Amino acid sequence: MARYPVLRSLATVSLEEALAYLDNADGDELTAADNLARDRNRLEGSTSTPDETEIHHALFLLRRARGLDAPSFDLMRVQLRRRQAA
C-alpha cells in the first residue's frame, strides 16, 4: 500500500492528489512538495534527492491544483534552509 497517490502526470497534479499529499504531510506544504518532488523523480526513473527548483515546482503544482497563488521561490528557499538548520 502506497503512502502517496500514484501520479497520473509529471506535468500536472489534480486537486485530489494535492489534497492527498497535504493530508499525508499533516498540512505542511513544504513536506508535501518535497514528497511530491521525490515521487516525480521516481516516475522519471531517478533516485536522486530533489533540489530546490524541483521542490519549488512541486509546491507550485500543489498550490495551482488548489487554486492558490504561485509560491515565492526565495521565500521557499529560506523556509527550507531554516528546516535544515533546525
Protein backbone atom coordinates (compact mmCIF):
# COMPACT_ATOMS: atom_id res chain seq x y z
CA MET A 1 0.00 0.00 0.00
CA ALA A 2 1.50 3.32 -1.09
CA ARG A 3 1.69 6.27 1.25
CA TYR A 4 1.06 8.70 -1.60
CA PRO A 5 -1.18 8.55 -4.63
CA VAL A 6 0.26 7.43 -7.90
CA LEU A 7 0.65 10.49 -10.06
CA ARG A 8 -1.03 10.34 -13.41
CA SER A 9 1.15 13.04 -14.91
CA LEU A 10 4.52 14.67 -14.32
CA ALA A 11 3.19 17.98 -15.64
CA THR A 12 0.03 18.39 -13.56
CA VAL A 13 -1.39 17.48 -10.18
CA SER A 14 -5.11 17.04 -9.61
CA LEU A 15 -6.92 18.55 -6.65
CA GLU A 16 -7.42 15.06 -5.26
CA GLU A 17 -3.69 14.29 -5.50
CA ALA A 18 -2.73 17.65 -3.98
CA LEU A 19 -5.05 17.16 -1.03
CA ALA A 20 -3.76 13.61 -0.50
CA TYR A 21 -0.15 14.83 -0.41
CA LEU A 22 -1.10 17.59 2.04
CA ASP A 23 -3.04 15.15 4.19
CA ASN A 24 -0.08 12.76 4.30
CA ALA A 25 2.16 15.69 5.30
CA ASP A 26 -0.26 16.80 8.06
CA GLY A 27 -0.99 20.01 6.15
CA ASP A 28 2.66 21.04 5.78
CA GLU A 29 3.08 22.39 2.25
CA LEU A 30 6.88 22.09 2.16
CA THR A 31 6.82 18.48 3.27
CA ALA A 32 4.08 17.71 0.75
CA ALA A 33 6.07 19.45 -2.00
CA ASP A 34 9.22 17.53 -1.09
CA ASN A 35 7.32 14.24 -1.16
CA LEU A 36 5.72 15.14 -4.48
CA ALA A 37 9.10 16.11 -5.95
CA ARG A 38 10.57 12.77 -4.81
CA ASP A 39 7.68 10.88 -6.41
CA ARG A 40 8.02 12.86 -9.63
CA ASN A 41 11.72 11.98 -9.72
CA ARG A 42 10.89 8.30 -9.21
CA LEU A 43 8.39 8.43 -12.08
CA GLU A 44 11.13 9.87 -14.26
CA GLY A 45 13.39 6.98 -13.24
CA SER A 46 15.66 8.99 -10.97
CA THR A 47 16.65 8.12 -7.42
CA SER A 48 18.26 11.49 -6.74
CA THR A 49 17.07 13.81 -3.99
CA PRO A 50 15.06 16.72 -5.41
CA ASP A 51 16.79 20.07 -5.49
CA GLU A 52 15.23 23.42 -4.54
CA THR A 53 13.97 24.03 -8.06
CA GLU A 54 12.19 20.66 -8.18
CA ILE A 55 10.64 21.23 -4.75
CA HIS A 56 9.50 24.70 -5.81
CA HIS A 57 7.89 23.31 -8.96
CA ALA A 58 6.11 20.65 -6.88
CA LEU A 59 4.93 23.36 -4.46
CA PHE A 60 3.69 25.37 -7.45
CA LEU A 61 1.73 22.33 -8.71
CA LEU A 62 0.21 21.72 -5.26
CA ARG A 63 -0.85 25.35 -4.95
CA ARG A 64 -2.17 25.60 -8.52
CA ALA A 65 -4.31 22.48 -8.03
CA ARG A 66 -5.93 24.20 -5.03
CA GLY A 67 -6.46 27.49 -6.85
CA LEU A 68 -3.84 29.38 -4.81
CA ASP A 69 -1.20 31.89 -5.89
CA ALA A 70 2.21 30.73 -7.05
CA PRO A 71 4.73 30.41 -4.22
CA SER A 72 7.78 32.64 -3.95
CA PHE A 73 10.98 30.77 -4.77
CA ASP A 74 13.05 32.95 -2.42
CA LEU A 75 10.65 32.51 0.50
CA MET A 76 10.57 28.74 -0.06
CA ARG A 77 14.39 28.60 -0.06
CA VAL A 78 14.51 30.49 3.25
CA GLN A 79 11.97 28.10 4.76
CA LEU A 80 13.90 25.05 3.54
CA ARG A 81 17.16 26.37 4.97
CA ARG A 82 15.51 27.07 8.32
CA ARG A 83 14.30 23.47 8.44
CA GLN A 84 17.75 22.15 7.60
CA ALA A 85 19.32 24.26 10.35
CA ALA A 86 16.83 23.06 12.98
